[in-house]
Amino acid sequence: MEHGFWHKRWAENRIGFHQQKTNRWLAEYWSVLGVSAESDVLVPLCGKSQDMLWLREQGHGVVGVELSDLACRDFFAEQQVDVDAITRDRFHIRERDGIRLLAGDFFDLHEADIPAVKAIYDRAALIALPPSMRERYAKHIKALTQSGDRMLLVTLEYDNDRDEPPFAVFGHEVRSLFEPSFTLEVLDGAQIEGGRMENEREVVYLLTRQ
């Protein structure tokens, strides 16, 4: 989506994608990745996700990248800490207690910006992007990763079409986007009770960089 779409959503507090609690798939399957506590975790399009706090509690340094500076500010404000933003190159950066939030365009992120990152957690990034941007996103993930890096990916599937996020991303597309640079394993999946879309289902993948 265009930048203005997301800035407007955050300004109007239309953030139904935000979860108040730790994502259940993250808590259940993160250990499967076998990522050492010393490794940093990248969270693309992180919003103000509480999942970053959970990852930090596991000992990881966390690097979140989010277009909305408002979301980054609110993340720390909701932890009742005041963190000033530092403008550096392509991002406004806020950092406290092992969590570093970069406000700016995810596609401006370089591998040199995240030297300690060995894992990626994506719950709401891929499904937030329209088809025209998903291929670019996957290519950028490939450019940011090295052999052995791992990614926990949560996607959404449903029957009816939508012209705004969250979008349905089915398994065949996930494979087309990431293979053969990554090997893919389906870890789990479940129907969402009371979902907004018809036959709404989440699917959890483990991706390993080759």
C-alpha atoms as a PDB file:
ATOM      1  CA  MET A   1       0.000   0.000   0.000  1.00  0.00           C
ATOM      2  CA  GLU A   2       1.069   3.597  -0.398  1.00  0.00           C
ATOM      3  CA  HIS A   3       2.723   5.291   2.565  1.00  0.00           C
ATOM      4  CA  GLY A   4      -0.236   7.627   2.997  1.00  0.00           C
ATOM      5  CA  PHE A   5      -2.593   4.691   3.541  1.00  0.00           C
ATOM      6  CA  TRP A   6      -0.673   3.495   6.606  1.00  0.00           C
ATOM      7  CA  HIS A   7      -0.017   6.939   8.022  1.00  0.00           C
ATOM      8  CA  LYS A   8      -3.756   7.626   7.847  1.00  0.00           C
ATOM      9  CA  ARG A   9      -4.632   4.310   9.504  1.00  0.00           C
ATOM     10  CA  TRP A  10      -2.327   5.044  12.440  1.00  0.00           C
ATOM     11  CA  ALA A  11      -3.436   8.661  12.725  1.00  0.00           C
ATOM     12  CA  GLU A  12      -7.075   7.533  12.859  1.00  0.00           C
ATOM     13  CA  ASN A  13      -6.238   4.625  15.196  1.00  0.00           C
ATOM     14  CA  ARG A  14      -7.740   2.139  12.719  1.00  0.00           C
ATOM     15  CA  ILE A  15      -5.370  -0.619  13.711  1.00  0.00           C
ATOM     16  CA  GLY A  16      -7.515  -3.732  13.984  1.00  0.00           C
ATOM     17  CA  PHE A  17      -4.431  -5.781  13.092  1.00  0.00           C
ATOM     18  CA  HIS A  18      -2.813  -4.853  16.423  1.00  0.00           C
ATOM     19  CA  GLN A  19      -2.931  -7.646  19.008  1.00  0.00           C
ATOM     20  CA  GLN A  20      -3.030  -6.809  22.703  1.00  0.00           C
ATOM     21  CA  LYS A  21      -1.420 -10.093  23.741  1.00  0.00           C
ATOM     22  CA  THR A  22       1.540 -12.169  22.617  1.00  0.00           C
ATOM     23  CA  ASN A  23       0.707 -14.085  19.462  1.00  0.00           C
ATOM     24  CA  ARG A  24       0.004 -17.716  20.319  1.00  0.00           C
ATOM     25  CA  TRP A  25       1.996 -19.071  17.376  1.00  0.00           C
ATOM     26  CA  LEU A  26       5.056 -17.092  18.418  1.00  0.00           C
ATOM     27  CA  ALA A  27       4.915 -18.437  21.961  1.00  0.00           C
ATOM     28  CA  GLU A  28       4.321 -22.005  20.797  1.00  0.00           C
ATOM     29  CA  TYR A  29       6.793 -22.310  17.939  1.00  0.00           C
ATOM     30  CA  TRP A  30       9.613 -19.820  18.431  1.00  0.00           C
ATOM     31  CA  SER A  31      11.768 -22.430  20.136  1.00  0.00           C
ATOM     32  CA  VAL A  32      11.603 -24.571  16.983  1.00  0.00           C
ATOM     33  CA  LEU A  33      13.830 -22.045  15.229  1.00  0.00           C
ATOM     34  CA  GLY A  34      16.695 -22.826  17.599  1.00  0.00           C
ATOM     35  CA  VAL A  35      17.897 -19.228  17.611  1.00  0.00           C
ATOM     36  CA  SER A  36      20.429 -18.387  20.310  1.00  0.00           C
ATOM     37  CA  ALA A  37      19.457 -15.733  22.848  1.00  0.00           C
ATOM     38  CA  GLU A  38      22.463 -13.677  21.736  1.00  0.00           C
ATOM     39  CA  SER A  39      21.016 -13.266  18.245  1.00  0.00           C
ATOM     40  CA  ASP A  40      18.928 -10.254  17.291  1.00  0.00           C
ATOM     41  CA  VAL A  41      15.479 -10.695  15.771  1.00  0.00           C
ATOM     42  CA  LEU A  42      14.131  -8.518  12.974  1.00  0.00           C
ATOM     43  CA  VAL A  43      10.414  -7.682  13.040  1.00  0.00           C
ATOM     44  CA  PRO A  44       9.354  -6.121   9.708  1.00  0.00           C
ATOM     45  CA  LEU A  45       6.362  -3.762   9.718  1.00  0.00           C
ATOM     46  CA  CYS A  46       6.299  -4.168  13.480  1.00  0.00           C
ATOM     47  CA  GLY A  47       3.715  -1.555  14.430  1.00  0.00           C
ATOM     48  CA  LYS A  48       3.625  -1.448  18.214  1.00  0.00           C
ATOM     49  CA  SER A  49       3.428  -5.216  18.577  1.00  0.00           C
ATOM     50  CA  GLN A  50       3.600  -6.701  22.052  1.00  0.00           C
ATOM     51  CA  ASP A  51       5.400  -9.650  20.476  1.00  0.00           C
ATOM     52  CA  MET A  52       8.583  -7.596  20.568  1.00  0.00           C
ATOM     53  CA  LEU A  53       8.419  -7.546  24.362  1.00  0.00           C
ATOM     54  CA  TRP A  54       8.044 -11.331  24.409  1.00  0.00           C
ATOM     55  CA  LEU A  55      11.061 -11.754  22.135  1.00  0.00           C
ATOM     56  CA  ARG A  56      13.077  -9.461  24.364  1.00  0.00           C
ATOM     57  CA  GLU A  57      12.082 -11.545  27.391  1.00  0.00           C
ATOM     58  CA  GLN A  58      13.659 -14.546  25.663  1.00  0.00           C
ATOM     59  CA  GLY A  59      16.956 -12.667  25.690  1.00  0.00           C
ATOM     60  CA  HIS A  60      16.983 -11.446  22.095  1.00  0.00           C
ATOM     61  CA  GLY A  61      17.828  -7.966  20.955  1.00  0.00           C
ATOM     62  CA  VAL A  62      14.896  -6.808  18.828  1.00  0.00           C
ATOM     63  CA  VAL A  63      14.985  -4.601  15.747  1.00  0.00           C
ATOM     64  CA  GLY A  64      11.571  -3.456  14.595  1.00  0.00           C
ATOM     65  CA  VAL A  65      11.021  -1.541  11.373  1.00  0.00           C
ATOM     66  CA  GLU A  66       7.820   0.428  10.998  1.00  0.00           C
ATOM     67  CA  LEU A  67       6.712   3.106   8.544  1.00  0.00           C
ATOM     68  CA  SER A  68       4.688   5.005  11.138  1.00  0.00           C
ATOM     69  CA  ASP A  69       6.717   7.078  13.564  1.00  0.00           C
ATOM     70  CA  LEU A  70       3.524   7.386  15.605  1.00  0.00           C
ATOM     71  CA  ALA A  71       3.440   3.613  16.129  1.00  0.00           C
ATOM     72  CA  CYS A  72       7.065   3.574  17.286  1.00  0.00           C
ATOM     73  CA  ARG A  73       6.412   6.418  19.710  1.00  0.00           C
ATOM     74  CA  ASP A  74       3.301   4.737  21.072  1.00  0.00           C
ATOM     75  CA  PHE A  75       5.092   1.435  21.624  1.00  0.00           C
ATOM     76  CA  PHE A  76       7.417   2.973  24.178  1.00  0.00           C
ATOM     77  CA  ALA A  77       4.765   5.295  25.586  1.00  0.00           C
ATOM     78  CA  GLU A  78       2.593   2.282  26.393  1.00  0.00           C
ATOM     79  CA  GLN A  79       5.530   0.824  28.329  1.00  0.00           C
ATOM     80  CA  GLN A  80       5.521   4.121  30.255  1.00  0.00           C
ATOM     81  CA  VAL A  81       8.964   5.131  29.062  1.00  0.00           C
ATOM     82  CA  ASP A  82       9.868   8.290  27.193  1.00  0.00           C
ATOM     83  CA  VAL A  83      12.345   7.610  24.391  1.00  0.00           C
ATOM     84  CA  ASP A  84      13.548  10.411  22.152  1.00  0.00           C
ATOM     85  CA  ALA A  85      13.968   9.713  18.447  1.00  0.00           C
ATOM     86  CA  ILE A  86      17.374  10.136  16.840  1.00  0.00           C
ATOM     87  CA  THR A  87      17.423  10.796  13.113  1.00  0.00           C
ATOM     88  CA  ARG A  88      20.137   8.790  11.411  1.00  0.00           C
ATOM     89  CA  ASP A  89      20.391   8.332   7.663  1.00  0.00           C
ATOM     90  CA  ARG A  90      17.090   6.814   6.502  1.00  0.00           C
ATOM     91  CA  PHE A  91      15.337   6.298   9.843  1.00  0.00           C
ATOM     92  CA  HIS A  92      14.089   7.886  13.047  1.00  0.00           C
ATOM     93  CA  ILE A  93      15.482   5.570  15.714  1.00  0.00           C
ATOM     94  CA  ARG A  94      14.187   4.922  19.232  1.00  0.00           C
ATOM     95  CA  GLU A  95      16.038   2.465  21.443  1.00  0.00           C
ATOM     96  CA  ARG A  96      15.567   1.266  24.999  1.00  0.00           C
ATOM     97  CA  ASP A  97      16.366  -1.926  26.924  1.00  0.00           C
ATOM     98  CA  GLY A  98      17.376  -3.993  23.913  1.00  0.00           C
ATOM     99  CA  ILE A  99      14.521  -2.954  21.631  1.00  0.00           C
ATOM    100  CA  ARG A 100      15.407  -0.694  18.701  1.00  0.00           C
ATOM    101  CA  LEU A 101      12.617   0.698  16.556  1.00  0.00           C
ATOM    102  CA  LEU A 102      13.412   2.197  13.164  1.00  0.00           C
ATOM    103  CA  ALA A 103      10.703   4.449  11.780  1.00  0.00           C
ATOM    104  CA  GLY A 104      10.959   4.533   8.015  1.00  0.00           C
ATOM    105  CA  ASP A 105      10.560   2.485   4.856  1.00  0.00           C
ATOM    106  CA  PHE A 106      11.411  -1.189   5.357  1.00  0.00           C
ATOM    107  CA  PHE A 107      12.813  -1.301   1.833  1.00  0.00           C
ATOM    108  CA  ASP A 108      15.453   1.242   2.880  1.00  0.00           C
ATOM    109  CA  LEU A 109      16.860  -1.217   5.425  1.00  0.00           C
ATOM    110  CA  HIS A 110      20.311  -2.574   4.572  1.00  0.00           C
ATOM    111  CA  GLU A 111      22.052  -5.716   5.777  1.00  0.00           C
ATOM    112  CA  ALA A 112      24.694  -3.493   7.386  1.00  0.00           C
ATOM    113  CA  ASP A 113      21.969  -1.972   9.597  1.00  0.00           C
ATOM    114  CA  ILE A 114      21.265  -5.322  11.274  1.00  0.00           C
ATOM    115  CA  PRO A 115      24.590  -7.170  11.641  1.00  0.00           C
ATOM    116  CA  ALA A 116      23.498  -9.287  14.630  1.00  0.00           C
ATOM    117  CA  VAL A 117      20.120 -10.368  13.221  1.00  0.00           C
ATOM    118  CA  LYS A 118      19.863 -14.129  12.702  1.00  0.00           C
ATOM    119  CA  ALA A 119      16.093 -14.535  12.721  1.00  0.00           C
ATOM    120  CA  ILE A 120      12.978 -12.796  11.440  1.00  0.00           C
ATOM    121  CA  TYR A 121       9.473 -12.799  12.855  1.00  0.00           C
ATOM    122  CA  ASP A 122       6.662 -11.858  10.463  1.00  0.00           C
ATOM    123  CA  ARG A 123       3.100 -11.980  11.728  1.00  0.00           C
ATOM    124  CA  ALA A 124       1.613  -9.007   9.926  1.00  0.00           C
ATOM    125  CA  ALA A 125       4.063  -7.865   7.248  1.00  0.00           C
ATOM    126  CA  LEU A 126       3.565 -10.148   4.238  1.00  0.00           C
ATOM    127  CA  ILE A 127      -0.223 -10.167   4.640  1.00  0.00           C
ATOM    128  CA  ALA A 128      -0.224  -6.369   4.830  1.00  0.00           C
ATOM    129  CA  LEU A 129       1.217  -6.045   1.330  1.00  0.00           C
ATOM    130  CA  PRO A 130      -0.730  -6.210  -1.948  1.00  0.00           C
ATOM    131  CA  PRO A 131       0.414  -8.753  -4.561  1.00  0.00           C
ATOM    132  CA  SER A 132       2.457  -6.148  -6.424  1.00  0.00           C
ATOM    133  CA  MET A 133       4.629  -5.569  -3.333  1.00  0.00           C
ATOM    134  CA  ARG A 134       4.941  -9.092  -1.956  1.00  0.00           C
ATOM    135  CA  GLU A 135       7.563 -10.185  -4.474  1.00  0.00           C
ATOM    136  CA  ARG A 136       9.626  -7.108  -3.666  1.00  0.00           C
ATOM    137  CA  TYR A 137       9.292  -7.867   0.036  1.00  0.00           C
ATOM    138  CA  ALA A 138      10.489 -11.455  -0.413  1.00  0.00           C
ATOM    139  CA  LYS A 139      13.479 -10.323  -2.476  1.00  0.00           C
ATOM    140  CA  HIS A 140      14.382  -7.819   0.214  1.00  0.00           C
ATOM    141  CA  ILE A 141      14.162 -10.481   2.928  1.00  0.00           C
ATOM    142  CA  LYS A 142      16.540 -12.617   0.859  1.00  0.00           C
ATOM    143  CA  ALA A 143      18.953  -9.705   0.548  1.00  0.00           C
ATOM    144  CA  LEU A 144      18.926  -9.129   4.329  1.00  0.00           C
ATOM    145  CA  THR A 145      19.602 -12.755   5.296  1.00  0.00           C
ATOM    146  CA  GLN A 146      22.458 -15.227   5.161  1.00  0.00           C
ATOM    147  CA  SER A 147      22.664 -19.011   5.052  1.00  0.00           C
ATOM    148  CA  GLY A 148      21.230 -20.552   8.217  1.00  0.00           C
ATOM    149  CA  ASP A 149      19.080 -17.568   9.163  1.00  0.00           C
ATOM    150  CA  ARG A 150      15.523 -18.497  10.075  1.00  0.00           C
ATOM    151  CA  MET A 151      12.112 -16.907   9.834  1.00  0.00           C
ATOM    152  CA  LEU A 152       8.819 -17.583  11.570  1.00  0.00           C
ATOM    153  CA  LEU A 153       6.049 -16.515   9.204  1.00  0.00           C
ATOM    154  CA  VAL A 154       2.341 -16.334  10.002  1.00  0.00           C
ATOM    155  CA  THR A 155      -0.020 -15.937   7.064  1.00  0.00           C
ATOM    156  CA  LEU A 156      -3.755 -15.584   6.630  1.00  0.00           C
ATOM    157  CA  GLU A 157      -6.008 -17.522   4.272  1.00  0.00           C
ATOM    158  CA  TYR A 158      -9.693 -16.897   3.511  1.00  0.00           C
ATOM    159  CA  ASP A 159     -12.201 -17.341   0.697  1.00  0.00           C
ATOM    160  CA  ASN A 160     -13.501 -13.898  -0.191  1.00  0.00           C
ATOM    161  CA  ASP A 161     -11.337 -11.261  -1.896  1.00  0.00           C
ATOM    162  CA  ARG A 162     -10.403  -7.944  -0.299  1.00  0.00           C
ATOM    163  CA  ASP A 163      -8.888  -4.800  -1.740  1.00  0.00           C
ATOM    164  CA  GLU A 164      -7.210  -3.785   1.504  1.00  0.00           C
ATOM    165  CA  PRO A 165      -5.162  -5.584   4.156  1.00  0.00           C
ATOM    166  CA  PRO A 166      -4.990  -8.069   5.672  1.00  0.00           C
ATOM    167  CA  PHE A 167      -4.667  -9.998   2.428  1.00  0.00           C
ATOM    168  CA  ALA A 168      -4.947 -13.743   1.961  1.00  0.00           C
ATOM    169  CA  VAL A 169      -1.598 -15.339   1.093  1.00  0.00           C
ATOM    170  CA  PHE A 170      -1.845 -19.043   0.286  1.00  0.00           C
ATOM    171  CA  GLY A 171       0.828 -21.700   0.526  1.00  0.00           C
ATOM    172  CA  HIS A 172       1.563 -21.894  -3.190  1.00  0.00           C
ATOM    173  CA  GLU A 173       2.362 -18.172  -3.221  1.00  0.00           C
ATOM    174  CA  VAL A 174       4.571 -18.416  -0.121  1.00  0.00           C
ATOM    175  CA  ARG A 175       6.584 -21.130  -1.863  1.00  0.00           C
ATOM    176  CA  SER A 176       6.766 -19.164  -5.093  1.00  0.00           C
ATOM    177  CA  LEU A 177       8.018 -16.090  -3.219  1.00  0.00           C
ATOM    178  CA  PHE A 178      10.680 -17.710  -1.068  1.00  0.00           C
ATOM    179  CA  GLU A 179      11.863 -20.971  -2.648  1.00  0.00           C
ATOM    180  CA  PRO A 180      14.553 -22.013  -3.450  1.00  0.00           C
ATOM    181  CA  SER A 181      16.395 -19.366  -1.403  1.00  0.00           C
ATOM    182  CA  PHE A 182      14.576 -20.709   1.670  1.00  0.00           C
ATOM    183  CA  THR A 183      13.352 -24.164   2.600  1.00  0.00           C
ATOM    184  CA  LEU A 184       9.781 -24.097   3.910  1.00  0.00           C
ATOM    185  CA  GLU A 185       8.056 -26.177   6.538  1.00  0.00           C
ATOM    186  CA  VAL A 186       4.416 -25.800   7.562  1.00  0.00           C
ATOM    187  CA  LEU A 187       4.383 -25.904  11.358  1.00  0.00           C
ATOM    188  CA  ASP A 188       0.688 -25.487  12.082  1.00  0.00           C
ATOM    189  CA  GLY A 189      -2.533 -23.825  11.134  1.00  0.00           C
ATOM    190  CA  ALA A 190      -6.017 -23.249  12.491  1.00  0.00           C
ATOM    191  CA  GLN A 191      -9.377 -21.767  11.663  1.00  0.00           C
ATOM    192  CA  ILE A 192     -10.066 -18.409  13.283  1.00  0.00           C
ATOM    193  CA  GLU A 193     -13.321 -18.483  15.195  1.00  0.00           C
ATOM    194  CA  GLY A 194     -15.410 -15.395  14.574  1.00  0.00           C
ATOM    195  CA  GLY A 195     -13.051 -14.166  11.848  1.00  0.00           C
ATOM    196  CA  ARG A 196     -13.988 -11.184   9.724  1.00  0.00           C
ATOM    197  CA  MET A 197     -13.607 -13.088   6.444  1.00  0.00           C
ATOM    198  CA  GLU A 198     -15.160 -16.327   5.233  1.00  0.00           C
ATOM    199  CA  ASN A 199     -13.250 -19.467   6.295  1.00  0.00           C
ATOM    200  CA  GLU A 200     -10.474 -17.385   7.812  1.00  0.00           C
ATOM    201  CA  ARG A 201      -7.423 -19.446   8.745  1.00  0.00           C
ATOM    202  CA  GLU A 202      -3.896 -18.763  10.000  1.00  0.00           C
ATOM    203  CA  VAL A 203      -0.924 -20.825   8.811  1.00  0.00           C
ATOM    204  CA  VAL A 204       2.511 -20.884  10.441  1.00  0.00           C
ATOM    205  CA  TYR A 205       5.706 -21.508   8.469  1.00  0.00           C
ATOM    206  CA  LEU A 206       9.340 -22.064   9.339  1.00  0.00           C
ATOM    207  CA  LEU A 207      11.670 -20.708   6.655  1.00  0.00           C
ATOM    208  CA  THR A 208      15.388 -21.505   6.649  1.00  0.00           C
ATOM    209  CA  ARG A 209      17.788 -19.560   4.436  1.00  0.00           C
ATOM    210  CA  GLN A 210      19.899 -21.744   2.161  1.00  0.00           C
END
